[in-house]
Structures are given as C-alpha cells and as structure tokens.
C-alpha cells in the first residue's frame, strides 16, 4: 500500500515538473507547478513518516507546507505589482522589474 502512495507523490511531483518545463509564458502556471512539486514532496514525506512511525517526517511536512504558503503569498504579491507595471503576466517581459 505504501508503494501506491509513493507513486501518487511521484506523479504529483512530475506533474509540477512538467508544468515548469513546458510552460514558458504564464507566471501563474509556474507558481502552481511549484506548489504541486512541494505538495508531492510533502505527501511523500508524510507517507514515509506514517509508515516508519516517526514524527520527524510529519513535522518536516508541516514546515514544507508553511514555506509553500509563504512562497505563494510573496509570489502573488510580486505578480500583482508586475501586472500593474506591465499590464501582462508573461514571463518574457519580466526584465521590467529591475530596480
């Protein structure tokens, strides 16, 4: 049964990785792909922690989810500022954010 959960976690991670590899224009899809990769890693950590009866993996999963939430909030805030400056959310015009 553990192999099914690990396979599901690997599928989540690979789905996020393919979203980053095949998407070169939309920043929102890139952020969602990063979130999928972090969710896959968290799911893998959680299932192994439950299988091994170790609380450290579960605590590490909570830490990963907290970092993912912070990354999401900061990324969306930068995206709003970027959209106000350029009127688009294409990655190709990201050099407008230079300080």
C-alpha atoms as a PDB file:
ATOM      1  CA  UNK A   1       0.000   0.000   0.000  1.00  0.00           C
ATOM      2  CA  UNK A   2       2.953   2.303   0.624  1.00  0.00           C
ATOM      3  CA  UNK A   3       4.049   1.979  -2.997  1.00  0.00           C
ATOM      4  CA  UNK A   4       0.683   3.377  -4.168  1.00  0.00           C
ATOM      5  CA  UNK A   5       1.133   6.491  -2.029  1.00  0.00           C
ATOM      6  CA  UNK A   6       4.727   6.922  -3.154  1.00  0.00           C
ATOM      7  CA  UNK A   7       3.641   6.548  -6.776  1.00  0.00           C
ATOM      8  CA  UNK A   8       0.951   9.198  -6.223  1.00  0.00           C
ATOM      9  CA  UNK A   9       3.516  11.547  -4.679  1.00  0.00           C
ATOM     10  CA  UNK A  10       5.886  10.960  -7.589  1.00  0.00           C
ATOM     11  CA  UNK A  11       3.079  11.690 -10.054  1.00  0.00           C
ATOM     12  CA  UNK A  12       2.329  14.991  -8.283  1.00  0.00           C
ATOM     13  CA  UNK A  13       5.990  15.947  -8.376  1.00  0.00           C
ATOM     14  CA  UNK A  14       6.390  15.018 -12.050  1.00  0.00           C
ATOM     15  CA  UNK A  15       3.213  16.892 -12.957  1.00  0.00           C
ATOM     16  CA  UNK A  16       4.645  20.017 -11.351  1.00  0.00           C
ATOM     17  CA  UNK A  17       7.997  19.477 -13.025  1.00  0.00           C
ATOM     18  CA  UNK A  18       6.375  19.100 -16.429  1.00  0.00           C
ATOM     19  CA  UNK A  19       4.379  22.273 -15.824  1.00  0.00           C
ATOM     20  CA  UNK A  20       7.622  24.170 -15.273  1.00  0.00           C
ATOM     21  CA  UNK A  21       9.358  22.521 -18.239  1.00  0.00           C
ATOM     22  CA  UNK A  22       6.589  23.049 -20.798  1.00  0.00           C
ATOM     23  CA  UNK A  23       5.270  26.436 -19.694  1.00  0.00           C
ATOM     24  CA  UNK A  24       7.404  29.403 -20.629  1.00  0.00           C
ATOM     25  CA  UNK A  25       4.922  32.265 -20.595  1.00  0.00           C
ATOM     26  CA  UNK A  26       2.444  32.299 -17.731  1.00  0.00           C
ATOM     27  CA  UNK A  27       3.724  33.097 -14.236  1.00  0.00           C
ATOM     28  CA  UNK A  28       0.568  31.794 -12.525  1.00  0.00           C
ATOM     29  CA  UNK A  29       1.067  28.341 -14.024  1.00  0.00           C
ATOM     30  CA  UNK A  30       4.706  28.399 -12.914  1.00  0.00           C
ATOM     31  CA  UNK A  31       3.640  29.184  -9.330  1.00  0.00           C
ATOM     32  CA  UNK A  32       1.021  26.438  -9.412  1.00  0.00           C
ATOM     33  CA  UNK A  33       3.613  23.979 -10.723  1.00  0.00           C
ATOM     34  CA  UNK A  34       5.966  24.828  -7.863  1.00  0.00           C
ATOM     35  CA  UNK A  35       3.099  24.256  -5.430  1.00  0.00           C
ATOM     36  CA  UNK A  36       2.407  20.846  -6.997  1.00  0.00           C
ATOM     37  CA  UNK A  37       6.059  19.880  -6.620  1.00  0.00           C
ATOM     38  CA  UNK A  38       6.050  20.897  -2.959  1.00  0.00           C
ATOM     39  CA  UNK A  39       2.797  19.008  -2.402  1.00  0.00           C
ATOM     40  CA  UNK A  40       4.321  15.863  -3.928  1.00  0.00           C
ATOM     41  CA  UNK A  41       7.371  16.118  -1.701  1.00  0.00           C
ATOM     42  CA  UNK A  42       5.196  16.716   1.360  1.00  0.00           C
ATOM     43  CA  UNK A  43       2.963  13.775   0.545  1.00  0.00           C
ATOM     44  CA  UNK A  44       5.972  11.516   0.146  1.00  0.00           C
ATOM     45  CA  UNK A  45       7.447  12.670   3.462  1.00  0.00           C
ATOM     46  CA  UNK A  46       4.120  12.197   5.222  1.00  0.00           C
ATOM     47  CA  UNK A  47       3.510   8.677   3.947  1.00  0.00           C
ATOM     48  CA  UNK A  48       7.031   7.548   4.802  1.00  0.00           C
ATOM     49  CA  UNK A  49       6.723   9.110   8.247  1.00  0.00           C
ATOM     50  CA  UNK A  50       3.471   7.291   8.938  1.00  0.00           C
ATOM     51  CA  UNK A  51       4.877   4.018   7.581  1.00  0.00           C
ATOM     52  CA  UNK A  52       8.022   4.272   9.738  1.00  0.00           C
ATOM     53  CA  UNK A  53       6.066   5.572  12.771  1.00  0.00           C
ATOM     54  CA  UNK A  54       8.309   8.629  13.087  1.00  0.00           C
ATOM     55  CA  UNK A  55       7.037  12.098  13.958  1.00  0.00           C
ATOM     56  CA  UNK A  56      10.000  13.951  12.428  1.00  0.00           C
ATOM     57  CA  UNK A  57       8.698  13.473   8.889  1.00  0.00           C
ATOM     58  CA  UNK A  58       5.311  14.846   9.881  1.00  0.00           C
ATOM     59  CA  UNK A  59       6.902  17.910  11.453  1.00  0.00           C
ATOM     60  CA  UNK A  60       9.018  18.385   8.345  1.00  0.00           C
ATOM     61  CA  UNK A  61       5.855  18.180   6.227  1.00  0.00           C
ATOM     62  CA  UNK A  62       4.252  20.957   8.272  1.00  0.00           C
ATOM     63  CA  UNK A  63       7.386  23.046   7.732  1.00  0.00           C
ATOM     64  CA  UNK A  64       7.277  22.424   3.955  1.00  0.00           C
ATOM     65  CA  UNK A  65       3.611  23.427   3.783  1.00  0.00           C
ATOM     66  CA  UNK A  66       4.333  26.606   5.766  1.00  0.00           C
ATOM     67  CA  UNK A  67       7.139  27.560   3.398  1.00  0.00           C
ATOM     68  CA  UNK A  68       4.882  26.798   0.422  1.00  0.00           C
ATOM     69  CA  UNK A  69       2.178  29.094   1.776  1.00  0.00           C
ATOM     70  CA  UNK A  70       4.675  31.917   2.313  1.00  0.00           C
ATOM     71  CA  UNK A  71       6.116  31.399  -1.173  1.00  0.00           C
ATOM     72  CA  UNK A  72       2.639  31.548  -2.623  1.00  0.00           C
ATOM     73  CA  UNK A  73       1.754  34.783  -0.850  1.00  0.00           C
ATOM     74  CA  UNK A  74       5.001  36.519  -1.805  1.00  0.00           C
ATOM     75  CA  UNK A  75       4.813  35.281  -5.395  1.00  0.00           C
ATOM     76  CA  UNK A  76       1.258  36.514  -5.825  1.00  0.00           C
ATOM     77  CA  UNK A  77       2.161  39.908  -4.331  1.00  0.00           C
ATOM     78  CA  UNK A  78       5.023  40.256  -6.809  1.00  0.00           C
ATOM     79  CA  UNK A  79       2.667  39.166  -9.577  1.00  0.00           C
ATOM     80  CA  UNK A  80       0.161  41.902  -8.708  1.00  0.00           C
ATOM     81  CA  UNK A  81       2.891  44.561  -8.792  1.00  0.00           C
ATOM     82  CA  UNK A  82       4.220  43.167 -12.067  1.00  0.00           C
ATOM     83  CA  UNK A  83       0.742  43.229 -13.618  1.00  0.00           C
ATOM     84  CA  UNK A  84       0.254  46.852 -12.541  1.00  0.00           C
ATOM     85  CA  UNK A  85       3.558  47.859 -14.157  1.00  0.00           C
ATOM     86  CA  UNK A  86       3.339  45.975 -17.420  1.00  0.00           C
ATOM     87  CA  UNK A  87      -0.317  45.085 -17.934  1.00  0.00           C
ATOM     88  CA  UNK A  88       0.576  41.446 -18.633  1.00  0.00           C
ATOM     89  CA  UNK A  89       1.837  38.405 -16.769  1.00  0.00           C
ATOM     90  CA  UNK A  90       4.135  36.968 -19.440  1.00  0.00           C
ATOM     91  CA  UNK A  91       7.490  35.696 -18.274  1.00  0.00           C
ATOM     92  CA  UNK A  92       9.241  37.083 -21.366  1.00  0.00           C
ATOM     93  CA  UNK A  93       8.754  40.668 -20.146  1.00  0.00           C
ATOM     94  CA  UNK A  94       9.977  40.039 -16.586  1.00  0.00           C
ATOM     95  CA  UNK A  95      13.014  42.318 -17.010  1.00  0.00           C
ATOM     96  CA  UNK A  96      10.751  45.303 -16.237  1.00  0.00           C
ATOM     97  CA  UNK A  97      11.099  44.518 -12.520  1.00  0.00           C
ATOM     98  CA  UNK A  98      14.758  45.519 -12.338  1.00  0.00           C
ATOM     99  CA  UNK A  99      15.420  48.026  -9.590  1.00  0.00           C
END
